N, C-alpha and C. Protein backbone atom coordinates (compact mmCIF):
# COMPACT_ATOMS: atom_id res chain seq x y z
N MET A 1 -5.34 7.48 -11.30
CA MET A 1 -4.38 6.78 -10.45
C MET A 1 -4.71 7.04 -8.99
N MET A 2 -4.25 6.15 -8.15
CA MET A 2 -4.50 6.27 -6.71
C MET A 2 -3.50 7.26 -6.12
N THR A 3 -4.02 8.33 -5.58
CA THR A 3 -3.22 9.35 -4.91
C THR A 3 -3.89 9.66 -3.58
N PRO A 4 -3.20 10.38 -2.69
CA PRO A 4 -3.84 10.75 -1.43
C PRO A 4 -5.10 11.61 -1.63
N GLU A 5 -5.25 12.21 -2.80
CA GLU A 5 -6.43 13.03 -3.08
C GLU A 5 -7.60 12.21 -3.64
N HIS A 6 -7.35 10.97 -4.03
CA HIS A 6 -8.39 10.12 -4.60
C HIS A 6 -9.46 9.83 -3.55
N ALA A 7 -10.70 9.76 -3.98
CA ALA A 7 -11.82 9.53 -3.06
C ALA A 7 -11.70 8.21 -2.30
N ARG A 8 -10.98 7.22 -2.86
CA ARG A 8 -10.87 5.91 -2.19
C ARG A 8 -9.49 5.70 -1.56
N TRP A 9 -8.71 6.77 -1.41
CA TRP A 9 -7.37 6.64 -0.81
C TRP A 9 -7.44 6.01 0.57
N ARG A 10 -8.33 6.50 1.41
CA ARG A 10 -8.43 5.98 2.80
C ARG A 10 -8.73 4.48 2.78
N GLU A 11 -9.64 4.06 1.91
CA GLU A 11 -9.94 2.63 1.79
C GLU A 11 -8.69 1.85 1.36
N PHE A 12 -8.00 2.36 0.34
CA PHE A 12 -6.77 1.70 -0.11
C PHE A 12 -5.76 1.60 1.03
N LYS A 13 -5.54 2.70 1.71
CA LYS A 13 -4.56 2.74 2.79
C LYS A 13 -4.94 1.78 3.92
N ASN A 14 -6.21 1.77 4.30
CA ASN A 14 -6.67 0.87 5.36
C ASN A 14 -6.48 -0.59 4.97
N ARG A 15 -6.77 -0.91 3.73
CA ARG A 15 -6.61 -2.30 3.27
C ARG A 15 -5.14 -2.68 3.21
N LEU A 16 -4.28 -1.76 2.75
CA LEU A 16 -2.85 -2.05 2.67
C LEU A 16 -2.23 -2.17 4.07
N GLU A 17 -2.75 -1.43 5.03
CA GLU A 17 -2.27 -1.55 6.41
C GLU A 17 -2.75 -2.82 7.08
N GLY A 18 -3.87 -3.37 6.63
CA GLY A 18 -4.52 -4.49 7.28
C GLY A 18 -3.96 -5.85 6.89
N PRO A 19 -4.68 -6.91 7.28
CA PRO A 19 -4.21 -8.28 7.10
C PRO A 19 -3.97 -8.68 5.64
N GLU A 20 -4.69 -8.09 4.70
CA GLU A 20 -4.47 -8.44 3.30
C GLU A 20 -3.24 -7.73 2.72
N GLY A 21 -2.69 -6.79 3.49
CA GLY A 21 -1.53 -6.04 3.04
C GLY A 21 -0.34 -6.28 3.95
N CYS A 22 0.14 -5.22 4.56
CA CYS A 22 1.34 -5.29 5.41
C CYS A 22 1.04 -5.81 6.81
N ASN A 23 -0.21 -5.88 7.18
CA ASN A 23 -0.64 -6.44 8.47
C ASN A 23 0.00 -5.73 9.66
N PHE A 24 -0.13 -4.42 9.72
CA PHE A 24 0.34 -3.66 10.87
C PHE A 24 -0.46 -4.08 12.10
N HIS A 25 0.24 -4.39 13.19
CA HIS A 25 -0.41 -4.77 14.44
C HIS A 25 0.60 -4.65 15.58
N GLU A 26 0.08 -4.71 16.79
CA GLU A 26 0.95 -4.69 17.97
C GLU A 26 1.26 -6.11 18.39
N ASN A 27 2.52 -6.37 18.71
CA ASN A 27 2.87 -7.69 19.23
C ASN A 27 2.65 -7.70 20.74
N ASP A 28 3.01 -8.76 21.40
CA ASP A 28 2.71 -8.93 22.82
C ASP A 28 3.31 -7.86 23.72
N ASP A 29 4.43 -7.27 23.33
CA ASP A 29 5.03 -6.23 24.17
C ASP A 29 4.58 -4.82 23.79
N GLY A 30 3.60 -4.71 22.88
CA GLY A 30 3.05 -3.42 22.51
C GLY A 30 3.77 -2.72 21.37
N THR A 31 4.78 -3.36 20.82
CA THR A 31 5.52 -2.79 19.70
C THR A 31 4.73 -3.00 18.41
N THR A 32 4.66 -1.97 17.58
CA THR A 32 4.01 -2.10 16.28
C THR A 32 4.94 -2.82 15.32
N VAL A 33 4.42 -3.84 14.68
CA VAL A 33 5.18 -4.64 13.72
C VAL A 33 4.35 -4.78 12.44
N TRP A 34 5.00 -5.15 11.36
CA TRP A 34 4.33 -5.37 10.09
C TRP A 34 5.17 -6.30 9.24
N ASP A 35 4.56 -6.76 8.16
CA ASP A 35 5.22 -7.65 7.22
C ASP A 35 5.18 -7.01 5.85
N CYS A 36 6.33 -6.61 5.35
CA CYS A 36 6.39 -5.99 4.03
C CYS A 36 6.45 -7.05 2.93
N GLY A 37 6.57 -8.29 3.28
CA GLY A 37 6.63 -9.34 2.28
C GLY A 37 8.06 -9.68 1.91
N GLY A 38 8.25 -10.85 1.40
CA GLY A 38 9.59 -11.34 1.08
C GLY A 38 10.30 -10.56 0.00
N GLY A 39 9.55 -10.02 -0.96
CA GLY A 39 10.17 -9.34 -2.08
C GLY A 39 10.40 -7.86 -1.87
N HIS A 40 9.88 -7.31 -0.79
CA HIS A 40 9.96 -5.86 -0.57
C HIS A 40 9.66 -5.12 -1.87
N ASP A 41 8.49 -5.44 -2.42
CA ASP A 41 8.05 -4.84 -3.67
C ASP A 41 6.65 -4.26 -3.48
N GLN A 42 5.99 -3.97 -4.56
CA GLN A 42 4.66 -3.38 -4.51
C GLN A 42 3.56 -4.41 -4.80
N SER A 43 3.84 -5.68 -4.58
CA SER A 43 2.87 -6.71 -4.94
C SER A 43 1.57 -6.61 -4.15
N ARG A 44 1.65 -6.22 -2.91
CA ARG A 44 0.42 -6.10 -2.10
C ARG A 44 -0.35 -4.84 -2.47
N SER A 45 0.35 -3.80 -2.84
CA SER A 45 -0.32 -2.60 -3.34
C SER A 45 -1.07 -2.94 -4.62
N ARG A 46 -0.40 -3.67 -5.53
CA ARG A 46 -1.04 -4.09 -6.77
C ARG A 46 -2.27 -4.95 -6.47
N ALA A 47 -2.12 -5.94 -5.62
CA ALA A 47 -3.24 -6.84 -5.30
C ALA A 47 -4.40 -6.08 -4.67
N THR A 48 -4.10 -5.11 -3.82
CA THR A 48 -5.15 -4.33 -3.17
C THR A 48 -5.91 -3.50 -4.19
N LEU A 49 -5.18 -2.83 -5.08
CA LEU A 49 -5.84 -2.02 -6.11
C LEU A 49 -6.69 -2.90 -7.03
N GLU A 50 -6.17 -4.06 -7.40
CA GLU A 50 -6.93 -4.98 -8.24
C GLU A 50 -8.18 -5.47 -7.52
N ALA A 51 -8.06 -5.79 -6.23
CA ALA A 51 -9.21 -6.24 -5.45
C ALA A 51 -10.26 -5.15 -5.31
N MET A 52 -9.82 -3.91 -5.39
CA MET A 52 -10.74 -2.77 -5.33
C MET A 52 -11.43 -2.53 -6.68
N GLY A 53 -11.03 -3.29 -7.71
CA GLY A 53 -11.71 -3.23 -8.99
C GLY A 53 -11.09 -2.31 -10.03
N PHE A 54 -9.89 -1.83 -9.79
CA PHE A 54 -9.26 -0.93 -10.75
C PHE A 54 -8.60 -1.70 -11.88
N ASP A 55 -8.60 -1.12 -13.08
CA ASP A 55 -8.02 -1.78 -14.25
C ASP A 55 -6.50 -1.62 -14.28
N GLU A 56 -5.85 -2.33 -15.19
CA GLU A 56 -4.40 -2.38 -15.26
C GLU A 56 -3.78 -1.01 -15.50
N GLU A 57 -4.39 -0.20 -16.32
CA GLU A 57 -3.85 1.15 -16.57
C GLU A 57 -3.83 1.98 -15.29
N PHE A 58 -4.91 1.91 -14.53
CA PHE A 58 -5.00 2.62 -13.25
C PHE A 58 -3.96 2.09 -12.28
N VAL A 59 -3.86 0.77 -12.19
CA VAL A 59 -2.91 0.13 -11.26
C VAL A 59 -1.48 0.51 -11.62
N ALA A 60 -1.12 0.39 -12.89
CA ALA A 60 0.25 0.71 -13.32
C ALA A 60 0.59 2.17 -13.05
N GLY A 61 -0.33 3.06 -13.35
CA GLY A 61 -0.11 4.48 -13.08
C GLY A 61 0.05 4.76 -11.59
N SER A 62 -0.73 4.05 -10.78
CA SER A 62 -0.65 4.22 -9.32
C SER A 62 0.69 3.74 -8.79
N LEU A 63 1.14 2.57 -9.25
CA LEU A 63 2.42 2.03 -8.79
C LEU A 63 3.57 2.96 -9.17
N GLN A 64 3.51 3.55 -10.35
CA GLN A 64 4.55 4.50 -10.76
C GLN A 64 4.49 5.75 -9.89
N PHE A 65 3.28 6.23 -9.60
CA PHE A 65 3.10 7.38 -8.71
C PHE A 65 3.73 7.09 -7.35
N PHE A 66 3.47 5.89 -6.81
CA PHE A 66 4.05 5.51 -5.52
C PHE A 66 5.57 5.51 -5.58
N THR A 67 6.13 4.90 -6.61
CA THR A 67 7.59 4.83 -6.78
C THR A 67 8.19 6.22 -6.83
N ASP A 68 7.57 7.11 -7.59
CA ASP A 68 8.08 8.48 -7.75
C ASP A 68 8.10 9.24 -6.44
N ARG A 69 7.32 8.79 -5.46
CA ARG A 69 7.25 9.46 -4.16
C ARG A 69 7.88 8.64 -3.05
N GLY A 70 8.75 7.70 -3.40
CA GLY A 70 9.47 6.92 -2.39
C GLY A 70 8.79 5.66 -1.95
N GLY A 71 7.71 5.27 -2.61
CA GLY A 71 6.99 4.06 -2.26
C GLY A 71 7.45 2.87 -3.08
N HIS A 72 8.70 2.46 -2.88
CA HIS A 72 9.29 1.39 -3.68
C HIS A 72 8.81 0.01 -3.25
N CYS A 73 8.28 -0.12 -2.04
CA CYS A 73 7.68 -1.37 -1.57
C CYS A 73 6.42 -1.01 -0.80
N ASP A 74 5.65 -2.02 -0.44
CA ASP A 74 4.34 -1.77 0.16
C ASP A 74 4.38 -0.93 1.43
N CYS A 75 5.31 -1.25 2.34
CA CYS A 75 5.35 -0.46 3.57
C CYS A 75 5.81 0.98 3.28
N GLU A 76 6.69 1.16 2.30
CA GLU A 76 7.12 2.52 1.94
C GLU A 76 5.99 3.32 1.31
N VAL A 77 5.06 2.63 0.64
CA VAL A 77 3.87 3.34 0.14
C VAL A 77 3.14 3.97 1.32
N LEU A 78 2.99 3.21 2.40
CA LEU A 78 2.31 3.73 3.58
C LEU A 78 3.10 4.80 4.31
N PHE A 79 4.42 4.64 4.36
CA PHE A 79 5.26 5.58 5.09
C PHE A 79 5.56 6.86 4.31
N ASN A 80 5.70 6.78 2.98
CA ASN A 80 6.26 7.89 2.22
C ASN A 80 5.29 8.62 1.30
N VAL A 81 4.30 7.97 0.76
CA VAL A 81 3.52 8.57 -0.32
C VAL A 81 2.67 9.74 0.15
N GLU A 82 2.12 9.65 1.31
CA GLU A 82 1.18 10.68 1.78
C GLU A 82 1.88 11.92 2.35
N LEU A 83 3.17 11.88 2.52
CA LEU A 83 3.90 13.01 3.11
C LEU A 83 3.82 14.26 2.29
């Protein structure tokens, strides 16, 4: 499962922070903004892990790991899981 100790954690985190995920960026006034998606779920985390080539068992275990650590939606995965 994907954890902060996994060798590809940084890649996962960078992709989830980027345009294919929550799209963290600064707006015109310098404020950091992001888009967690309409469902406030883990759909972008799932899509990122799948795009990285992980199988369903790995993805499902990762999503449960995120939930257990307060990552109930994609932005919460970024904010809470690594703490």
